[in-house]
Amino acid sequence: MRRNLIAAVLSLALCPLLLAQQTLTNDSVIKLAKAGLSDDLIISTINASASTFNASADSLIELKKAGVSDQVIAAIVQKNAAPAPTTAEPPSQSTPQADGQAAPAPAASTEPRVFLTSQSKGLNRNADRDQSMEMSKDFEKDCPGVKITILQNAADYTVLLNHIEVGLLIRDNQFQVANRDGDLISKTKEGGSIDQGVKKACTVIMNDWSTKH
């Protein structure tokens, strides 16, 4: 019994080192999650390994459906966004334009980043669905002027949804919009569809953003 316990502890300790020698993909992470490994262990493996992750919106949704936690998905996004290491090179000179002046630096993104979160409750089985996925689709359709992010600390705004389902047809949706400082800048009463709430939240976000940029 003691030998089995020691072997199990050594296996967990060496797992990130062994996996670090492999190139991780989205499917690799799904296999680790389904095998029952802890989020901390999976994240340590991601950080220590070479990887070829796909961080597109559809791929992140597939990871979520496969049971991968938000913390692990965030680690994948951060790993995928990290620049590849390069050898040091001397600073290059700015390329002069025709008039002899240096070319201007590219403009920073002017689109607000929005983090979506929701809680759902009710009496039917659909009440357990993650409604933030539904909000993401509605924002993509009705509010193309924003970027949806799954990293709350990178967001300029947070949209919170309280979704309630009673029976097949009775549904209430309450929305709140907060800025980067966590200050509430808008809220709605109960009632209305998620799509309608997203449109109102979009208007609030774009109006507030325009006053600051």
C-alpha atoms as a PDB file:
ATOM      1  CA  MET A   1       0.000   0.000   0.000  1.00  0.00           C
ATOM      2  CA  ARG A   2       2.831   2.390   0.910  1.00  0.00           C
ATOM      3  CA  ARG A   3       4.672   1.634  -2.337  1.00  0.00           C
ATOM      4  CA  ASN A   4       1.523   2.290  -4.381  1.00  0.00           C
ATOM      5  CA  LEU A   5       1.032   5.657  -2.649  1.00  0.00           C
ATOM      6  CA  ILE A   6       4.657   6.690  -3.302  1.00  0.00           C
ATOM      7  CA  ALA A   7       4.354   5.652  -6.947  1.00  0.00           C
ATOM      8  CA  ALA A   8       1.171   7.708  -7.364  1.00  0.00           C
ATOM      9  CA  VAL A   9       2.777  10.810  -5.828  1.00  0.00           C
ATOM     10  CA  LEU A  10       5.862  10.467  -8.052  1.00  0.00           C
ATOM     11  CA  SER A  11       3.635  10.024 -11.109  1.00  0.00           C
ATOM     12  CA  LEU A  12       1.767  13.271 -10.394  1.00  0.00           C
ATOM     13  CA  ALA A  13       5.030  15.123  -9.740  1.00  0.00           C
ATOM     14  CA  LEU A  14       6.650  13.942 -12.978  1.00  0.00           C
ATOM     15  CA  CYS A  15       3.570  14.322 -15.193  1.00  0.00           C
ATOM     16  CA  PRO A  16       4.238  17.955 -16.266  1.00  0.00           C
ATOM     17  CA  LEU A  17       7.901  17.100 -16.990  1.00  0.00           C
ATOM     18  CA  LEU A  18       6.981  14.118 -19.165  1.00  0.00           C
ATOM     19  CA  LEU A  19       4.245  15.966 -21.038  1.00  0.00           C
ATOM     20  CA  ALA A  20       6.489  18.998 -21.509  1.00  0.00           C
ATOM     21  CA  GLN A  21       8.453  16.903 -24.015  1.00  0.00           C
ATOM     22  CA  GLN A  22       5.337  16.653 -26.216  1.00  0.00           C
ATOM     23  CA  THR A  23       3.573  19.301 -28.254  1.00  0.00           C
ATOM     24  CA  LEU A  24       0.185  20.015 -26.670  1.00  0.00           C
ATOM     25  CA  THR A  25      -2.974  20.627 -28.712  1.00  0.00           C
ATOM     26  CA  ASN A  26      -6.610  21.316 -27.809  1.00  0.00           C
ATOM     27  CA  ASP A  27      -7.293  17.560 -27.986  1.00  0.00           C
ATOM     28  CA  SER A  28      -4.402  16.885 -25.590  1.00  0.00           C
ATOM     29  CA  VAL A  29      -5.903  19.224 -22.992  1.00  0.00           C
ATOM     30  CA  ILE A  30      -9.346  17.613 -23.387  1.00  0.00           C
ATOM     31  CA  LYS A  31      -7.768  14.190 -22.736  1.00  0.00           C
ATOM     32  CA  LEU A  32      -6.024  15.501 -19.597  1.00  0.00           C
ATOM     33  CA  ALA A  33      -9.278  17.005 -18.294  1.00  0.00           C
ATOM     34  CA  LYS A  34     -11.257  13.816 -18.962  1.00  0.00           C
ATOM     35  CA  ALA A  35      -8.547  11.792 -17.221  1.00  0.00           C
ATOM     36  CA  GLY A  36      -9.371  13.692 -14.022  1.00  0.00           C
ATOM     37  CA  LEU A  37      -6.184  15.741 -13.660  1.00  0.00           C
ATOM     38  CA  SER A  38      -6.543  18.874 -11.552  1.00  0.00           C
ATOM     39  CA  ASP A  39      -6.695  22.336 -13.134  1.00  0.00           C
ATOM     40  CA  ASP A  40      -3.408  23.314 -11.439  1.00  0.00           C
ATOM     41  CA  LEU A  41      -1.624  20.292 -12.901  1.00  0.00           C
ATOM     42  CA  ILE A  42      -3.021  20.873 -16.405  1.00  0.00           C
ATOM     43  CA  ILE A  43      -2.100  24.578 -16.309  1.00  0.00           C
ATOM     44  CA  SER A  44       1.446  23.727 -15.137  1.00  0.00           C
ATOM     45  CA  THR A  45       1.731  21.302 -18.066  1.00  0.00           C
ATOM     46  CA  ILE A  46       0.487  23.945 -20.524  1.00  0.00           C
ATOM     47  CA  ASN A  47       3.017  26.493 -19.263  1.00  0.00           C
ATOM     48  CA  ALA A  48       5.888  23.992 -19.425  1.00  0.00           C
ATOM     49  CA  SER A  49       5.116  22.481 -22.840  1.00  0.00           C
ATOM     50  CA  ALA A  50       5.473  23.373 -26.489  1.00  0.00           C
ATOM     51  CA  SER A  51       2.019  23.822 -27.974  1.00  0.00           C
ATOM     52  CA  THR A  52      -0.006  24.399 -31.125  1.00  0.00           C
ATOM     53  CA  PHE A  53      -3.311  25.522 -29.626  1.00  0.00           C
ATOM     54  CA  ASN A  54      -6.303  26.771 -31.612  1.00  0.00           C
ATOM     55  CA  ALA A  55      -7.806  29.716 -29.700  1.00  0.00           C
ATOM     56  CA  SER A  56     -10.574  30.614 -32.145  1.00  0.00           C
ATOM     57  CA  ALA A  57     -14.046  31.260 -30.710  1.00  0.00           C
ATOM     58  CA  ASP A  58     -15.407  27.954 -32.039  1.00  0.00           C
ATOM     59  CA  SER A  59     -12.455  26.004 -30.602  1.00  0.00           C
ATOM     60  CA  LEU A  60     -12.860  27.615 -27.162  1.00  0.00           C
ATOM     61  CA  ILE A  61     -16.563  26.704 -27.191  1.00  0.00           C
ATOM     62  CA  GLU A  62     -15.650  23.090 -28.039  1.00  0.00           C
ATOM     63  CA  LEU A  63     -13.214  23.029 -25.093  1.00  0.00           C
ATOM     64  CA  LYS A  64     -15.948  24.294 -22.783  1.00  0.00           C
ATOM     65  CA  LYS A  65     -18.422  21.685 -24.061  1.00  0.00           C
ATOM     66  CA  ALA A  66     -15.801  18.973 -23.483  1.00  0.00           C
ATOM     67  CA  GLY A  67     -15.622  19.884 -19.779  1.00  0.00           C
ATOM     68  CA  VAL A  68     -12.435  21.960 -19.729  1.00  0.00           C
ATOM     69  CA  SER A  69     -12.592  24.598 -16.974  1.00  0.00           C
ATOM     70  CA  ASP A  70     -12.506  28.364 -17.536  1.00  0.00           C
ATOM     71  CA  GLN A  71      -9.135  28.567 -15.737  1.00  0.00           C
ATOM     72  CA  VAL A  72      -7.543  26.034 -18.105  1.00  0.00           C
ATOM     73  CA  ILE A  73      -9.096  27.718 -21.175  1.00  0.00           C
ATOM     74  CA  ALA A  74      -7.679  31.061 -19.999  1.00  0.00           C
ATOM     75  CA  ALA A  75      -4.229  29.439 -19.699  1.00  0.00           C
ATOM     76  CA  ILE A  76      -4.542  28.176 -23.281  1.00  0.00           C
ATOM     77  CA  VAL A  77      -5.454  31.684 -24.533  1.00  0.00           C
ATOM     78  CA  GLN A  78      -2.537  33.250 -22.669  1.00  0.00           C
ATOM     79  CA  LYS A  79      -0.098  30.589 -23.923  1.00  0.00           C
ATOM     80  CA  ASN A  80      -1.350  31.003 -27.492  1.00  0.00           C
ATOM     81  CA  ALA A  81      -1.011  34.803 -27.302  1.00  0.00           C
ATOM     82  CA  ALA A  82       2.546  34.730 -25.903  1.00  0.00           C
ATOM     83  CA  PRO A  83       5.134  35.686 -28.561  1.00  0.00           C
ATOM     84  CA  ALA A  84       7.575  33.007 -29.616  1.00  0.00           C
ATOM     85  CA  PRO A  85      11.087  33.504 -28.167  1.00  0.00           C
ATOM     86  CA  THR A  86      13.476  35.160 -30.610  1.00  0.00           C
ATOM     87  CA  THR A  87      17.197  35.846 -30.583  1.00  0.00           C
ATOM     88  CA  ALA A  88      18.233  39.328 -29.587  1.00  0.00           C
ATOM     89  CA  GLU A  89      18.792  41.673 -32.489  1.00  0.00           C
ATOM     90  CA  PRO A  90      20.004  45.275 -32.573  1.00  0.00           C
ATOM     91  CA  PRO A  91      17.182  47.810 -32.785  1.00  0.00           C
ATOM     92  CA  SER A  92      16.239  48.566 -36.353  1.00  0.00           C
ATOM     93  CA  GLN A  93      15.994  52.049 -37.731  1.00  0.00           C
ATOM     94  CA  SER A  94      12.557  53.446 -38.563  1.00  0.00           C
ATOM     95  CA  THR A  95      11.792  53.195 -42.254  1.00  0.00           C
ATOM     96  CA  PRO A  96      11.575  56.734 -43.604  1.00  0.00           C
ATOM     97  CA  GLN A  97       8.587  57.772 -45.656  1.00  0.00           C
ATOM     98  CA  ALA A  98       8.885  59.565 -48.978  1.00  0.00           C
ATOM     99  CA  ASP A  99       9.065  62.943 -47.219  1.00  0.00           C
ATOM    100  CA  GLY A 100      11.936  61.777 -44.981  1.00  0.00           C
ATOM    101  CA  GLN A 101       9.875  61.317 -41.804  1.00  0.00           C
ATOM    102  CA  ALA A 102       9.614  58.035 -39.875  1.00  0.00           C
ATOM    103  CA  ALA A 103       6.498  55.949 -40.491  1.00  0.00           C
ATOM    104  CA  PRO A 104       3.926  56.310 -37.682  1.00  0.00           C
ATOM    105  CA  ALA A 105       3.324  53.429 -35.278  1.00  0.00           C
ATOM    106  CA  PRO A 106       0.168  51.377 -35.954  1.00  0.00           C
ATOM    107  CA  ALA A 107      -2.895  52.699 -34.167  1.00  0.00           C
ATOM    108  CA  ALA A 108      -4.081  50.884 -31.045  1.00  0.00           C
ATOM    109  CA  SER A 109      -7.367  49.002 -31.127  1.00  0.00           C
ATOM    110  CA  THR A 110     -10.341  51.269 -30.500  1.00  0.00           C
ATOM    111  CA  GLU A 111     -12.823  48.451 -29.821  1.00  0.00           C
ATOM    112  CA  PRO A 112     -13.924  47.943 -26.202  1.00  0.00           C
ATOM    113  CA  ARG A 113     -13.318  44.471 -24.769  1.00  0.00           C
ATOM    114  CA  VAL A 114     -16.310  42.880 -23.043  1.00  0.00           C
ATOM    115  CA  PHE A 115     -16.354  39.985 -20.565  1.00  0.00           C
ATOM    116  CA  LEU A 116     -19.613  38.016 -20.298  1.00  0.00           C
ATOM    117  CA  THR A 117     -20.842  36.145 -17.232  1.00  0.00           C
ATOM    118  CA  SER A 118     -24.208  34.675 -16.287  1.00  0.00           C
ATOM    119  CA  GLN A 119     -26.101  32.706 -13.718  1.00  0.00           C
ATOM    120  CA  SER A 120     -29.164  30.654 -14.566  1.00  0.00           C
ATOM    121  CA  LYS A 121     -31.863  29.009 -12.521  1.00  0.00           C
ATOM    122  CA  GLY A 122     -35.286  27.521 -13.086  1.00  0.00           C
ATOM    123  CA  LEU A 123     -37.425  24.432 -13.077  1.00  0.00           C
ATOM    124  CA  ASN A 124     -36.604  22.858 -16.438  1.00  0.00           C
ATOM    125  CA  ARG A 125     -33.416  21.266 -17.730  1.00  0.00           C
ATOM    126  CA  ASN A 126     -32.580  24.171 -20.060  1.00  0.00           C
ATOM    127  CA  ALA A 127     -32.081  26.355 -17.002  1.00  0.00           C
ATOM    128  CA  ASP A 128     -28.655  24.740 -16.489  1.00  0.00           C
ATOM    129  CA  ARG A 129     -27.293  25.989 -19.824  1.00  0.00           C
ATOM    130  CA  ASP A 130     -24.457  28.524 -19.804  1.00  0.00           C
ATOM    131  CA  GLN A 131     -26.269  31.592 -21.160  1.00  0.00           C
ATOM    132  CA  SER A 132     -22.988  33.466 -21.649  1.00  0.00           C
ATOM    133  CA  MET A 133     -22.613  31.409 -24.845  1.00  0.00           C
ATOM    134  CA  GLU A 134     -25.976  32.741 -26.034  1.00  0.00           C
ATOM    135  CA  MET A 135     -24.920  36.287 -25.167  1.00  0.00           C
ATOM    136  CA  SER A 136     -21.690  35.843 -27.139  1.00  0.00           C
ATOM    137  CA  LYS A 137     -23.633  34.895 -30.284  1.00  0.00           C
ATOM    138  CA  ASP A 138     -26.002  37.860 -29.850  1.00  0.00           C
ATOM    139  CA  PHE A 139     -23.111  40.308 -29.340  1.00  0.00           C
ATOM    140  CA  GLU A 140     -21.435  38.999 -32.492  1.00  0.00           C
ATOM    141  CA  LYS A 141     -24.673  39.579 -34.420  1.00  0.00           C
ATOM    142  CA  ASP A 142     -25.981  42.798 -32.859  1.00  0.00           C
ATOM    143  CA  CYS A 143     -22.871  44.547 -31.530  1.00  0.00           C
ATOM    144  CA  PRO A 144     -19.926  44.098 -33.932  1.00  0.00           C
ATOM    145  CA  GLY A 145     -18.208  47.169 -32.478  1.00  0.00           C
ATOM    146  CA  VAL A 146     -16.968  45.245 -29.406  1.00  0.00           C
ATOM    147  CA  LYS A 147     -14.555  42.372 -28.811  1.00  0.00           C
ATOM    148  CA  ILE A 148     -15.588  39.526 -26.519  1.00  0.00           C
ATOM    149  CA  THR A 149     -12.859  38.303 -24.159  1.00  0.00           C
ATOM    150  CA  ILE A 150     -12.777  35.377 -21.711  1.00  0.00           C
ATOM    151  CA  LEU A 151     -10.228  37.166 -19.505  1.00  0.00           C
ATOM    152  CA  GLN A 152     -12.066  39.439 -17.090  1.00  0.00           C
ATOM    153  CA  ASN A 153      -8.924  41.345 -16.072  1.00  0.00           C
ATOM    154  CA  ALA A 154      -8.419  42.317 -19.735  1.00  0.00           C
ATOM    155  CA  ALA A 155     -11.985  43.606 -20.181  1.00  0.00           C
ATOM    156  CA  ASP A 156     -13.110  47.222 -20.370  1.00  0.00           C
ATOM    157  CA  TYR A 157     -16.685  46.218 -19.491  1.00  0.00           C
ATOM    158  CA  THR A 158     -18.419  43.280 -17.811  1.00  0.00           C
ATOM    159  CA  VAL A 159     -21.957  42.236 -18.735  1.00  0.00           C
ATOM    160  CA  LEU A 160     -23.795  40.173 -16.107  1.00  0.00           C
ATOM    161  CA  LEU A 161     -26.959  38.190 -16.894  1.00  0.00           C
ATOM    162  CA  ASN A 162     -29.416  36.743 -14.388  1.00  0.00           C
ATOM    163  CA  HIS A 163     -31.531  34.222 -16.349  1.00  0.00           C
ATOM    164  CA  ILE A 164     -34.645  32.568 -14.917  1.00  0.00           C
ATOM    165  CA  GLU A 165     -36.757  29.886 -16.643  1.00  0.00           C
ATOM    166  CA  VAL A 166     -40.140  28.719 -15.354  1.00  0.00           C
ATOM    167  CA  GLY A 167     -41.860  26.214 -17.628  1.00  0.00           C
ATOM    168  CA  LEU A 168     -41.341  26.297 -21.388  1.00  0.00           C
ATOM    169  CA  LEU A 169     -42.360  29.870 -22.183  1.00  0.00           C
ATOM    170  CA  ILE A 170     -41.846  31.984 -19.059  1.00  0.00           C
ATOM    171  CA  ARG A 171     -38.362  33.477 -19.018  1.00  0.00           C
ATOM    172  CA  ASP A 172     -36.958  36.511 -17.243  1.00  0.00           C
ATOM    173  CA  ASN A 173     -33.613  38.127 -17.985  1.00  0.00           C
ATOM    174  CA  GLN A 174     -31.911  40.833 -15.938  1.00  0.00           C
ATOM    175  CA  PHE A 175     -28.774  42.559 -17.278  1.00  0.00           C
ATOM    176  CA  GLN A 176     -26.133  44.646 -15.555  1.00  0.00           C
ATOM    177  CA  VAL A 177     -23.215  46.456 -17.191  1.00  0.00           C
ATOM    178  CA  ALA A 178     -20.128  47.486 -15.206  1.00  0.00           C
ATOM    179  CA  ASN A 179     -17.031  49.398 -16.316  1.00  0.00           C
ATOM    180  CA  ARG A 180     -13.383  48.424 -15.741  1.00  0.00           C
ATOM    181  CA  ASP A 181     -13.487  49.883 -12.213  1.00  0.00           C
ATOM    182  CA  GLY A 182     -16.440  47.638 -11.338  1.00  0.00           C
ATOM    183  CA  ASP A 183     -18.878  50.545 -11.208  1.00  0.00           C
ATOM    184  CA  LEU A 184     -22.398  49.689 -12.370  1.00  0.00           C
ATOM    185  CA  ILE A 185     -23.383  51.881 -15.328  1.00  0.00           C
ATOM    186  CA  SER A 186     -26.610  50.189 -16.398  1.00  0.00           C
ATOM    187  CA  LYS A 187     -29.189  47.628 -15.312  1.00  0.00           C
ATOM    188  CA  THR A 188     -32.502  46.386 -16.695  1.00  0.00           C
ATOM    189  CA  LYS A 189     -35.726  45.183 -15.161  1.00  0.00           C
ATOM    190  CA  GLU A 190     -36.940  41.604 -15.411  1.00  0.00           C
ATOM    191  CA  GLY A 191     -38.417  40.502 -18.710  1.00  0.00           C
ATOM    192  CA  GLY A 192     -37.365  40.578 -22.323  1.00  0.00           C
ATOM    193  CA  SER A 193     -35.206  38.212 -24.334  1.00  0.00           C
ATOM    194  CA  ILE A 194     -31.443  37.812 -24.088  1.00  0.00           C
ATOM    195  CA  ASP A 195     -31.145  39.309 -27.572  1.00  0.00           C
ATOM    196  CA  GLN A 196     -33.027  42.455 -26.485  1.00  0.00           C
ATOM    197  CA  GLY A 197     -30.887  42.744 -23.358  1.00  0.00           C
ATOM    198  CA  VAL A 198     -27.703  42.440 -25.415  1.00  0.00           C
ATOM    199  CA  LYS A 199     -28.834  45.234 -27.739  1.00  0.00           C
ATOM    200  CA  LYS A 200     -29.473  47.547 -24.759  1.00  0.00           C
ATOM    201  CA  ALA A 201     -26.139  46.602 -23.164  1.00  0.00           C
ATOM    202  CA  CYS A 202     -24.392  47.278 -26.478  1.00  0.00           C
ATOM    203  CA  THR A 203     -25.882  50.770 -26.648  1.00  0.00           C
ATOM    204  CA  VAL A 204     -24.780  51.528 -23.082  1.00  0.00           C
ATOM    205  CA  ILE A 205     -21.234  50.277 -23.715  1.00  0.00           C
ATOM    206  CA  MET A 206     -20.737  52.122 -26.992  1.00  0.00           C
ATOM    207  CA  ASN A 207     -22.131  55.378 -25.583  1.00  0.00           C
ATOM    208  CA  ASP A 208     -19.883  55.183 -22.513  1.00  0.00           C
ATOM    209  CA  TRP A 209     -16.865  54.205 -24.622  1.00  0.00           C
ATOM    210  CA  SER A 210     -17.378  57.118 -27.012  1.00  0.00           C
ATOM    211  CA  THR A 211     -17.206  59.605 -24.125  1.00  0.00           C
ATOM    212  CA  LYS A 212     -13.758  58.310 -23.132  1.00  0.00           C
ATOM    213  CA  HIS A 213     -12.080  57.770 -26.510  1.00  0.00           C
END
